[in-house]
PDB file of N, CA and C in Angstrom:
ATOM      1  N   ALA A   1     170.898  35.057  30.846  1.00  0.00           N
ATOM      2  CA  ALA A   1     171.444  34.331  29.708  1.00  0.00           C
ATOM      3  C   ALA A   1     170.384  34.230  28.617  1.00  0.00           C
ATOM      4  N   GLY A   2     170.815  34.152  27.397  1.00  0.00           N
ATOM      5  CA  GLY A   2     169.914  33.881  26.287  1.00  0.00           C
ATOM      6  C   GLY A   2     168.927  34.978  25.972  1.00  0.00           C
ATOM      7  N   GLY A   3     169.257  36.227  26.308  1.00  0.00           N
ATOM      8  CA  GLY A   3     168.376  37.346  25.998  1.00  0.00           C
ATOM      9  C   GLY A   3     168.440  37.713  24.523  1.00  0.00           C
ATOM     10  N   PHE A   4     167.660  38.700  24.153  1.00  0.00           N
ATOM     11  CA  PHE A   4     167.536  39.141  22.768  1.00  0.00           C
ATOM     12  C   PHE A   4     168.049  40.575  22.657  1.00  0.00           C
ATOM     13  N   ALA A   5     168.858  40.850  21.637  1.00  0.00           N
ATOM     14  CA  ALA A   5     169.435  42.184  21.492  1.00  0.00           C
ATOM     15  C   ALA A   5     169.344  42.660  20.054  1.00  0.00           C
ATOM     16  N   GLY A   6     169.220  43.979  19.898  1.00  0.00           N
ATOM     17  CA  GLY A   6     169.181  44.574  18.575  1.00  0.00           C
ATOM     18  C   GLY A   6     169.021  46.075  18.672  1.00  0.00           C
ATOM     19  N   ILE A   7     168.827  46.712  17.518  1.00  0.00           N
ATOM     20  CA  ILE A   7     168.723  48.164  17.447  1.00  0.00           C
ATOM     21  C   ILE A   7     167.467  48.548  16.673  1.00  0.00           C
ATOM     22  N   SER A   8     166.783  49.577  17.163  1.00  0.00           N
ATOM     23  CA  SER A   8     165.644  50.174  16.470  1.00  0.00           C
ATOM     24  C   SER A   8     165.769  51.686  16.600  1.00  0.00           C
ATOM     25  N   ASN A   9     165.790  52.392  15.458  1.00  0.00           N
ATOM     26  CA  ASN A   9     165.912  53.856  15.466  1.00  0.00           C
ATOM     27  C   ASN A   9     167.033  54.336  16.383  1.00  0.00           C
ATOM     28  N   ASP A  10     168.201  53.734  16.225  1.00  0.00           N
ATOM     29  CA  ASP A  10     169.402  54.083  16.990  1.00  0.00           C
ATOM     30  C   ASP A  10     169.294  53.803  18.484  1.00  0.00           C
ATOM     31  N   SER A  11     168.292  53.063  18.924  1.00  0.00           N
ATOM     32  CA  SER A  11     168.169  52.667  20.324  1.00  0.00           C
ATOM     33  C   SER A  11     168.600  51.215  20.479  1.00  0.00           C
ATOM     34  N   LEU A  12     169.536  50.964  21.386  1.00  0.00           N
ATOM     35  CA  LEU A  12     169.987  49.608  21.676  1.00  0.00           C
ATOM     36  C   LEU A  12     168.990  48.954  22.624  1.00  0.00           C
ATOM     37  N   ILE A  13     168.521  47.763  22.235  1.00  0.00           N
ATOM     38  CA  ILE A  13     167.479  47.039  22.968  1.00  0.00           C
ATOM     39  C   ILE A  13     168.058  45.750  23.537  1.00  0.00           C
ATOM     40  N   PHE A  14     167.679  45.422  24.779  1.00  0.00           N
ATOM     41  CA  PHE A  14     167.917  44.092  25.333  1.00  0.00           C
ATOM     42  C   PHE A  14     166.608  43.641  25.963  1.00  0.00           C
ATOM     43  N   ALA A  15     166.128  42.464  25.559  1.00  0.00           N
ATOM     44  CA  ALA A  15     164.834  41.970  26.033  1.00  0.00           C
ATOM     45  C   ALA A  15     164.941  40.524  26.496  1.00  0.00           C
ATOM     46  N   GLY A  16     164.112  40.192  27.493  1.00  0.00           N
ATOM     47  CA  GLY A  16     164.019  38.815  27.965  1.00  0.00           C
ATOM     48  C   GLY A  16     165.292  38.311  28.605  1.00  0.00           C
ATOM     49  N   GLY A  17     165.502  37.004  28.486  1.00  0.00           N
ATOM     50  CA  GLY A  17     166.652  36.351  29.090  1.00  0.00           C
ATOM     51  C   GLY A  17     166.227  35.512  30.286  1.00  0.00           C
ATOM     52  N   ALA A  18     167.126  34.662  30.731  1.00  0.00           N
ATOM     53  CA  ALA A  18     166.835  33.769  31.850  1.00  0.00           C
ATOM     54  C   ALA A  18     167.953  33.848  32.880  1.00  0.00           C
ATOM     55  N   GLY A  19     167.609  33.520  34.097  1.00  0.00           N
ATOM     56  CA  GLY A  19     168.609  33.516  35.156  1.00  0.00           C
ATOM     57  C   GLY A  19     168.083  32.815  36.392  1.00  0.00           C
ATOM     58  N   PHE A  20     168.936  32.715  37.386  1.00  0.00           N
ATOM     59  CA  PHE A  20     168.598  32.063  38.643  1.00  0.00           C
ATOM     60  C   PHE A  20     168.688  33.096  39.754  1.00  0.00           C
ATOM     61  N   LYS A  21     167.534  33.573  40.236  1.00  0.00           N
ATOM     62  CA  LYS A  21     167.531  34.570  41.304  1.00  0.00           C
ATOM     63  C   LYS A  21     168.162  33.970  42.553  1.00  0.00           C
ATOM     64  N   GLY A  22     169.149  34.694  43.077  1.00  0.00           N
ATOM     65  CA  GLY A  22     169.873  34.233  44.258  1.00  0.00           C
ATOM     66  C   GLY A  22     171.236  33.660  43.944  1.00  0.00           C
ATOM     67  N   SER A  23     171.539  33.437  42.663  1.00  0.00           N
ATOM     68  CA  SER A  23     172.828  32.815  42.314  1.00  0.00           C
ATOM     69  C   SER A  23     174.008  33.742  42.589  1.00  0.00           C
ATOM     70  N   ARG A  24     173.838  35.032  42.405  1.00  0.00           N
ATOM     71  CA  ARG A  24     174.931  35.975  42.683  1.00  0.00           C
ATOM     72  C   ARG A  24     175.328  35.899  44.160  1.00  0.00           C
ATOM     73  N   GLU A  25     174.331  35.910  45.031  1.00  0.00           N
ATOM     74  CA  GLU A  25     174.607  35.818  46.466  1.00  0.00           C
ATOM     75  C   GLU A  25     175.268  34.486  46.803  1.00  0.00           C
ATOM     76  N   ASN A  26     174.776  33.399  46.203  1.00  0.00           N
ATOM     77  CA  ASN A  26     175.388  32.087  46.440  1.00  0.00           C
ATOM     78  C   ASN A  26     176.859  32.096  46.056  1.00  0.00           C
ATOM     79  N   TYR A  27     177.175  32.664  44.890  1.00  0.00           N
ATOM     80  CA  TYR A  27     178.558  32.704  44.420  1.00  0.00           C
ATOM     81  C   TYR A  27     179.420  33.558  45.349  1.00  0.00           C
ATOM     82  N   GLN A  28     178.888  34.705  45.757  1.00  0.00           N
ATOM     83  CA  GLN A  28     179.633  35.574  46.665  1.00  0.00           C
ATOM     84  C   GLN A  28     179.892  34.901  48.007  1.00  0.00           C
ATOM     85  N   ASN A  29     179.049  33.948  48.362  1.00  0.00           N
ATOM     86  CA  ASN A  29     179.226  33.199  49.606  1.00  0.00           C
ATOM     87  C   ASN A  29     180.048  31.933  49.411  1.00  0.00           C
ATOM     88  N   GLY A  30     180.696  31.800  48.240  1.00  0.00           N
ATOM     89  CA  GLY A  30     181.619  30.705  48.005  1.00  0.00           C
ATOM     90  C   GLY A  30     181.025  29.456  47.396  1.00  0.00           C
ATOM     91  N   LYS A  31     179.765  29.491  46.991  1.00  0.00           N
ATOM     92  CA  LYS A  31     179.139  28.318  46.380  1.00  0.00           C
ATOM     93  C   LYS A  31     179.453  28.329  44.885  1.00  0.00           C
ATOM     94  N   ASN A  32     180.318  27.413  44.426  1.00  0.00           N
ATOM     95  CA  ASN A  32     180.757  27.399  43.030  1.00  0.00           C
ATOM     96  C   ASN A  32     179.644  27.033  42.052  1.00  0.00           C
ATOM     97  N   TYR A  33     178.761  26.145  42.426  1.00  0.00           N
ATOM     98  CA  TYR A  33     177.605  25.813  41.583  1.00  0.00           C
ATOM     99  C   TYR A  33     176.444  26.683  42.064  1.00  0.00           C
ATOM    100  N   ALA A  34     176.558  27.974  41.768  1.00  0.00           N
ATOM    101  CA  ALA A  34     175.699  28.997  42.369  1.00  0.00           C
ATOM    102  C   ALA A  34     174.216  28.824  42.064  1.00  0.00           C
ATOM    103  N   HIS A  35     173.870  28.183  40.953  1.00  0.00           N
ATOM    104  CA  HIS A  35     172.459  28.027  40.582  1.00  0.00           C
ATOM    105  C   HIS A  35     171.826  26.768  41.178  1.00  0.00           C
ATOM    106  N   GLU A  36     172.639  25.909  41.781  1.00  0.00           N
ATOM    107  CA  GLU A  36     172.142  24.642  42.321  1.00  0.00           C
ATOM    108  C   GLU A  36     171.039  24.882  43.358  1.00  0.00           C
ATOM    109  N   GLY A  37     169.899  24.228  43.149  1.00  0.00           N
ATOM    110  CA  GLY A  37     168.774  24.340  44.063  1.00  0.00           C
ATOM    111  C   GLY A  37     167.883  25.547  43.821  1.00  0.00           C
ATOM    112  N   LEU A  38     168.219  26.362  42.833  1.00  0.00           N
ATOM    113  CA  LEU A  38     167.418  27.546  42.532  1.00  0.00           C
ATOM    114  C   LEU A  38     166.553  27.299  41.295  1.00  0.00           C
ATOM    115  N   LYS A  39     165.453  28.019  41.210  1.00  0.00           N
ATOM    116  CA  LYS A  39     164.545  27.885  40.072  1.00  0.00           C
ATOM    117  C   LYS A  39     164.902  28.918  39.002  1.00  0.00           C
ATOM    118  N   LYS A  40     164.948  28.481  37.751  1.00  0.00           N
ATOM    119  CA  LYS A  40     165.223  29.387  36.637  1.00  0.00           C
ATOM    120  C   LYS A  40     164.016  30.295  36.420  1.00  0.00           C
ATOM    121  N   SER A  41     164.297  31.581  36.236  1.00  0.00           N
ATOM    122  CA  SER A  41     163.229  32.532  35.934  1.00  0.00           C
ATOM    123  C   SER A  41     163.487  33.162  34.570  1.00  0.00           C
ATOM    124  N   TYR A  42     162.416  33.536  33.904  1.00  0.00           N
ATOM    125  CA  TYR A  42     162.476  34.108  32.558  1.00  0.00           C
ATOM    126  C   TYR A  42     161.958  35.539  32.614  1.00  0.00           C
ATOM    127  N   SER A  43     162.741  36.469  32.118  1.00  0.00           N
ATOM    128  CA  SER A  43     162.411  37.885  32.216  1.00  0.00           C
ATOM    129  C   SER A  43     161.448  38.337  31.116  1.00  0.00           C
ATOM    130  N   THR A  44     160.550  39.235  31.491  1.00  0.00           N
ATOM    131  CA  THR A  44     159.671  39.908  30.533  1.00  0.00           C
ATOM    132  C   THR A  44     160.190  41.310  30.205  1.00  0.00           C
ATOM    133  N   ASP A  45     161.245  41.732  30.870  1.00  0.00           N
ATOM    134  CA  ASP A  45     161.731  43.111  30.759  1.00  0.00           C
ATOM    135  C   ASP A  45     162.318  43.439  29.389  1.00  0.00           C
ATOM    136  N   ILE A  46     162.033  44.654  28.932  1.00  0.00           N
ATOM    137  CA  ILE A  46     162.675  45.233  27.754  1.00  0.00           C
ATOM    138  C   ILE A  46     163.437  46.461  28.239  1.00  0.00           C
ATOM    139  N   HIS A  47     164.741  46.484  27.983  1.00  0.00           N
ATOM    140  CA  HIS A  47     165.598  47.586  28.421  1.00  0.00           C
ATOM    141  C   HIS A  47     166.153  48.329  27.215  1.00  0.00           C
ATOM    142  N   LEU A  48     166.280  49.652  27.352  1.00  0.00           N
ATOM    143  CA  LEU A  48     166.944  50.492  26.360  1.00  0.00           C
ATOM    144  C   LEU A  48     168.179  51.104  27.002  1.00  0.00           C
ATOM    145  N   TRP A  49     169.257  51.231  26.226  1.00  0.00           N
ATOM    146  CA  TRP A  49     170.501  51.826  26.706  1.00  0.00           C
ATOM    147  C   TRP A  49     170.403  53.343  26.556  1.00  0.00           C
ATOM    148  N   HIS A  50     170.449  54.053  27.683  1.00  0.00           N
ATOM    149  CA  HIS A  50     170.376  55.518  27.687  1.00  0.00           C
ATOM    150  C   HIS A  50     171.425  56.085  28.629  1.00  0.00           C
ATOM    151  N   ASN A  51     172.189  57.044  28.155  1.00  0.00           N
ATOM    152  CA  ASN A  51     173.134  57.776  29.007  1.00  0.00           C
ATOM    153  C   ASN A  51     174.018  56.864  29.847  1.00  0.00           C
ATOM    154  N   GLY A  52     174.517  55.802  29.226  1.00  0.00           N
ATOM    155  CA  GLY A  52     175.454  54.913  29.904  1.00  0.00           C
ATOM    156  C   GLY A  52     174.854  53.915  30.861  1.00  0.00           C
ATOM    157  N   LYS A  53     173.522  53.726  30.813  1.00  0.00           N
ATOM    158  CA  LYS A  53     172.904  52.711  31.679  1.00  0.00           C
ATOM    159  C   LYS A  53     171.654  52.143  31.004  1.00  0.00           C
ATOM    160  N   TRP A  54     171.244  50.974  31.496  1.00  0.00           N
ATOM    161  CA  TRP A  54     170.041  50.330  30.983  1.00  0.00           C
ATOM    162  C   TRP A  54     168.820  50.843  31.734  1.00  0.00           C
ATOM    163  N   ASP A  55     167.782  51.235  30.996  1.00  0.00           N
ATOM    164  CA  ASP A  55     166.513  51.663  31.581  1.00  0.00           C
ATOM    165  C   ASP A  55     165.423  50.690  31.158  1.00  0.00           C
ATOM    166  N   LYS A  56     164.646  50.201  32.139  1.00  0.00           N
ATOM    167  CA  LYS A  56     163.502  49.360  31.790  1.00  0.00           C
ATOM    168  C   LYS A  56     162.476  50.238  31.085  1.00  0.00           C
ATOM    169  N   SER A  57     162.097  49.827  29.874  1.00  0.00           N
ATOM    170  CA  SER A  57     161.249  50.673  29.035  1.00  0.00           C
ATOM    171  C   SER A  57     160.008  49.972  28.512  1.00  0.00           C
ATOM    172  N   GLY A  58     159.841  48.695  28.821  1.00  0.00           N
ATOM    173  CA  GLY A  58     158.678  47.957  28.348  1.00  0.00           C
ATOM    174  C   GLY A  58     158.728  46.522  28.826  1.00  0.00           C
ATOM    175  N   GLU A  59     157.737  45.740  28.391  1.00  0.00           N
ATOM    176  CA  GLU A  59     157.656  44.329  28.780  1.00  0.00           C
ATOM    177  C   GLU A  59     157.169  43.463  27.630  1.00  0.00           C
ATOM    178  N   LEU A  60     157.698  42.246  27.589  1.00  0.00           N
ATOM    179  CA  LEU A  60     157.175  41.207  26.705  1.00  0.00           C
ATOM    180  C   LEU A  60     155.915  40.639  27.342  1.00  0.00           C
ATOM    181  N   SER A  61     155.062  40.014  26.557  1.00  0.00           N
ATOM    182  CA  SER A  61     153.831  39.436  27.106  1.00  0.00           C
ATOM    183  C   SER A  61     154.109  38.227  27.990  1.00  0.00           C
ATOM    184  N   GLN A  62     155.264  37.589  27.784  1.00  0.00           N
ATOM    185  CA  GLN A  62     155.686  36.480  28.646  1.00  0.00           C
ATOM    186  C   GLN A  62     157.206  36.459  28.681  1.00  0.00           C
ATOM    187  N   GLY A  63     157.762  35.954  29.782  1.00  0.00           N
ATOM    188  CA  GLY A  63     159.204  35.817  29.865  1.00  0.00           C
ATOM    189  C   GLY A  63     159.683  34.796  28.848  1.00  0.00           C
ATOM    190  N   ARG A  64     160.815  35.086  28.217  1.00  0.00           N
ATOM    191  CA  ARG A  64     161.367  34.139  27.242  1.00  0.00           C
ATOM    192  C   ARG A  64     162.856  34.352  27.090  1.00  0.00           C
ATOM    193  N   ALA A  65     163.519  33.299  26.601  1.00  0.00           N
ATOM    194  CA  ALA A  65     164.966  33.321  26.367  1.00  0.00           C
ATOM    195  C   ALA A  65     165.309  32.270  25.317  1.00  0.00           C
ATOM    196  N   TYR A  66     166.560  32.313  24.859  1.00  0.00           N
ATOM    197  CA  TYR A  66     167.155  31.271  24.004  1.00  0.00           C
ATOM    198  C   TYR A  66     166.540  31.136  22.612  1.00  0.00           C
ATOM    199  N   GLY A  67     165.962  32.191  22.093  1.00  0.00           N
ATOM    200  CA  GLY A  67     165.466  32.172  20.722  1.00  0.00           C
ATOM    201  C   GLY A  67     166.434  32.914  19.815  1.00  0.00           C
ATOM    202  N   VAL A  68     165.910  33.452  18.737  1.00  0.00           N
ATOM    203  CA  VAL A  68     166.709  34.178  17.748  1.00  0.00           C
ATOM    204  C   VAL A  68     166.232  35.629  17.718  1.00  0.00           C
ATOM    205  N   SER A  69     167.170  36.558  17.596  1.00  0.00           N
ATOM    206  CA  SER A  69     166.798  37.961  17.395  1.00  0.00           C
ATOM    207  C   SER A  69     167.467  38.476  16.132  1.00  0.00           C
ATOM    208  N   LEU A  70     166.670  39.149  15.299  1.00  0.00           N
ATOM    209  CA  LEU A  70     167.132  39.637  14.000  1.00  0.00           C
ATOM    210  C   LEU A  70     166.679  41.075  13.780  1.00  0.00           C
ATOM    211  N   PRO A  71     167.481  41.864  13.049  1.00  0.00           N
ATOM    212  CA  PRO A  71     166.982  43.176  12.649  1.00  0.00           C
ATOM    213  C   PRO A  71     165.940  42.998  11.547  1.00  0.00           C
ATOM    214  N   TRP A  72     164.835  43.763  11.631  1.00  0.00           N
ATOM    215  CA  TRP A  72     163.783  43.658  10.618  1.00  0.00           C
ATOM    216  C   TRP A  72     163.042  44.991  10.531  1.00  0.00           C
ATOM    217  N   ASN A  73     163.122  45.642   9.380  1.00  0.00           N
ATOM    218  CA  ASN A  73     162.404  46.900   9.147  1.00  0.00           C
ATOM    219  C   ASN A  73     162.602  47.913  10.274  1.00  0.00           C
ATOM    220  N   ASN A  74     163.854  48.135  10.642  1.00  0.00           N
ATOM    221  CA  ASN A  74     164.218  49.087  11.695  1.00  0.00           C
ATOM    222  C   ASN A  74     163.624  48.713  13.052  1.00  0.00           C
ATOM    223  N   SER A  75     163.424  47.418  13.269  1.00  0.00           N
ATOM    224  CA  SER A  75     162.898  46.888  14.523  1.00  0.00           C
ATOM    225  C   SER A  75     163.703  45.650  14.903  1.00  0.00           C
ATOM    226  N   LEU A  76     163.399  45.091  16.064  1.00  0.00           N
ATOM    227  CA  LEU A  76     164.012  43.852  16.525  1.00  0.00           C
ATOM    228  C   LEU A  76     162.965  42.750  16.460  1.00  0.00           C
ATOM    229  N   LEU A  77     163.230  41.722  15.670  1.00  0.00           N
ATOM    230  CA  LEU A  77     162.329  40.583  15.537  1.00  0.00           C
ATOM    231  C   LEU A  77     162.849  39.453  16.413  1.00  0.00           C
ATOM    232  N   ILE A  78     162.006  38.991  17.337  1.00  0.00           N
ATOM    233  CA  ILE A  78     162.334  37.867  18.220  1.00  0.00           C
ATOM    234  C   ILE A  78     161.544  36.660  17.733  1.00  0.00           C
ATOM    235  N   ILE A  79     162.242  35.553  17.518  1.00  0.00           N
ATOM    236  CA  ILE A  79     161.600  34.338  17.017  1.00  0.00           C
ATOM    237  C   ILE A  79     161.874  33.195  17.985  1.00  0.00           C
ATOM    238  N   GLY A  80     160.800  32.530  18.402  1.00  0.00           N
ATOM    239  CA  GLY A  80     160.926  31.318  19.201  1.00  0.00           C
ATOM    240  C   GLY A  80     161.561  31.524  20.557  1.00  0.00           C
ATOM    241  N   GLY A  81     162.195  30.450  21.042  1.00  0.00           N
ATOM    242  CA  GLY A  81     162.819  30.445  22.353  1.00  0.00           C
ATOM    243  C   GLY A  81     162.104  29.496  23.286  1.00  0.00           C
ATOM    244  N   GLU A  82     162.282  29.764  24.579  1.00  0.00           N
ATOM    245  CA  GLU A  82     161.587  28.966  25.586  1.00  0.00           C
ATOM    246  C   GLU A  82     161.129  29.874  26.715  1.00  0.00           C
ATOM    247  N   THR A  83     160.165  29.371  27.477  1.00  0.00           N
ATOM    248  CA  THR A  83     159.618  30.108  28.609  1.00  0.00           C
ATOM    249  C   THR A  83     159.603  29.191  29.828  1.00  0.00           C
ATOM    250  N   ALA A  84     158.937  29.591  30.883  1.00  0.00           N
ATOM    251  CA  ALA A  84     158.962  28.865  32.154  1.00  0.00           C
ATOM    252  C   ALA A  84     158.819  27.360  31.969  1.00  0.00           C
ATOM    253  N   GLY A  85     159.636  26.622  32.674  1.00  0.00           N
ATOM    254  CA  GLY A  85     159.615  25.173  32.598  1.00  0.00           C
ATOM    255  C   GLY A  85     160.267  24.614  31.352  1.00  0.00           C
ATOM    256  N   GLY A  86     160.936  25.460  30.577  1.00  0.00           N
ATOM    257  CA  GLY A  86     161.588  25.013  29.352  1.00  0.00           C
ATOM    258  C   GLY A  86     160.627  24.789  28.203  1.00  0.00           C
ATOM    259  N   LYS A  87     159.398  25.310  28.335  1.00  0.00           N
ATOM    260  CA  LYS A  87     158.383  25.140  27.288  1.00  0.00           C
ATOM    261  C   LYS A  87     158.789  25.913  26.035  1.00  0.00           C
ATOM    262  N   ALA A  88     158.751  25.242  24.880  1.00  0.00           N
ATOM    263  CA  ALA A  88     159.121  25.871  23.608  1.00  0.00           C
ATOM    264  C   ALA A  88     158.103  26.935  23.214  1.00  0.00           C
ATOM    265  N   VAL A  89     158.617  28.048  22.699  1.00  0.00           N
ATOM    266  CA  VAL A  89     157.789  29.140  22.191  1.00  0.00           C
ATOM    267  C   VAL A  89     157.944  29.137  20.677  1.00  0.00           C
ATOM    268  N   THR A  90     156.839  29.151  19.951  1.00  0.00           N
ATOM    269  CA  THR A  90     156.916  29.066  18.491  1.00  0.00           C
ATOM    270  C   THR A  90     156.488  30.349  17.791  1.00  0.00           C
ATOM    271  N   ASP A  91     156.071  31.358  18.557  1.00  0.00           N
ATOM    272  CA  ASP A  91     155.626  32.599  17.928  1.00  0.00           C
ATOM    273  C   ASP A  91     156.780  33.585  17.773  1.00  0.00           C
ATOM    274  N   SER A  92     156.465  34.755  17.241  1.00  0.00           N
ATOM    275  CA  SER A  92     157.462  35.811  17.096  1.00  0.00           C
ATOM    276  C   SER A  92     156.905  37.114  17.659  1.00  0.00           C
ATOM    277  N   VAL A  93     157.822  38.021  17.997  1.00  0.00           N
ATOM    278  CA  VAL A  93     157.483  39.316  18.572  1.00  0.00           C
ATOM    279  C   VAL A  93     158.321  40.364  17.855  1.00  0.00           C
ATOM    280  N   LEU A  94     157.720  41.505  17.534  1.00  0.00           N
ATOM    281  CA  LEU A  94     158.434  42.606  16.904  1.00  0.00           C
ATOM    282  C   LEU A  94     158.493  43.770  17.894  1.00  0.00           C
ATOM    283  N   ILE A  95     159.717  44.219  18.199  1.00  0.00           N
ATOM    284  CA  ILE A  95     159.921  45.337  19.123  1.00  0.00           C
ATOM    285  C   ILE A  95     160.449  46.525  18.330  1.00  0.00           C
ATOM    286  N   SER A  96     159.764  47.663  18.463  1.00  0.00           N
ATOM    287  CA  SER A  96     160.174  48.896  17.793  1.00  0.00           C
ATOM    288  C   SER A  96     160.346  49.992  18.833  1.00  0.00           C
ATOM    289  N   VAL A  97     161.239  50.931  18.533  1.00  0.00           N
ATOM    290  CA  VAL A  97     161.446  52.080  19.409  1.00  0.00           C
ATOM    291  C   VAL A  97     161.352  53.344  18.568  1.00  0.00           C
ATOM    292  N   LYS A  98     160.552  54.291  19.041  1.00  0.00           N
ATOM    293  CA  LYS A  98     160.469  55.605  18.401  1.00  0.00           C
ATOM    294  C   LYS A  98     160.321  56.639  19.505  1.00  0.00           C
ATOM    295  N   ASP A  99     161.183  57.650  19.480  1.00  0.00           N
ATOM    296  CA  ASP A  99     161.180  58.694  20.516  1.00  0.00           C
ATOM    297  C   ASP A  99     161.266  58.085  21.916  1.00  0.00           C
ATOM    298  N   ASN A 100     162.124  57.072  22.057  1.00  0.00           N
ATOM    299  CA  ASN A 100     162.367  56.376  23.329  1.00  0.00           C
ATOM    300  C   ASN A 100     161.137  55.668  23.885  1.00  0.00           C
ATOM    301  N   LYS A 101     160.147  55.408  23.063  1.00  0.00           N
ATOM    302  CA  LYS A 101     158.966  54.642  23.469  1.00  0.00           C
ATOM    303  C   LYS A 101     158.986  53.295  22.758  1.00  0.00           C
ATOM    304  N   VAL A 102     158.764  52.249  23.538  1.00  0.00           N
ATOM    305  CA  VAL A 102     158.808  50.878  23.030  1.00  0.00           C
ATOM    306  C   VAL A 102     157.416  50.438  22.592  1.00  0.00           C
ATOM    307  N   THR A 103     157.341  49.824  21.413  1.00  0.00           N
ATOM    308  CA  THR A 103     156.111  49.208  20.917  1.00  0.00           C
ATOM    309  C   THR A 103     156.386  47.728  20.709  1.00  0.00           C
ATOM    310  N   VAL A 104     155.500  46.877  21.239  1.00  0.00           N
ATOM    311  CA  VAL A 104     155.636  45.426  21.104  1.00  0.00           C
ATOM    312  C   VAL A 104     154.443  44.904  20.323  1.00  0.00           C
ATOM    313  N   GLN A 105     154.732  44.193  19.218  1.00  0.00           N
ATOM    314  CA  GLN A 105     153.676  43.565  18.419  1.00  0.00           C
ATOM    315  C   GLN A 105     153.835  42.059  18.522  1.00  0.00           C
ATOM    316  N   ASN A 106     152.814  41.401  19.053  1.00  0.00           N
ATOM    317  CA  ASN A 106     152.847  39.938  19.186  1.00  0.00           C
ATOM    318  C   ASN A 106     152.278  39.288  17.946  1.00  0.00           C
TER     319      ASN A 106
END
């Protein structure tokens, strides 16, 4: 939840986001409040959409979610959000893609 999405040089990007590891299994086992008792984790992964699937293509310097993502100069600008423990993040990150290679500027 709360990941960042955008496009750079015709590459679709999805970065970060938060979730509860184990919640899918809990739900499949009939637990309706699947995240109950689980710890929220924040992803550092940057994925690019290639040939009908997501490929992990890079990493953020820290896991983050729930901020703002905007197109900026043919890149994806990530602003703010939160990280582990719900700590507010006040910086920004610029993600660019060229020739299927991800560049991250903190």
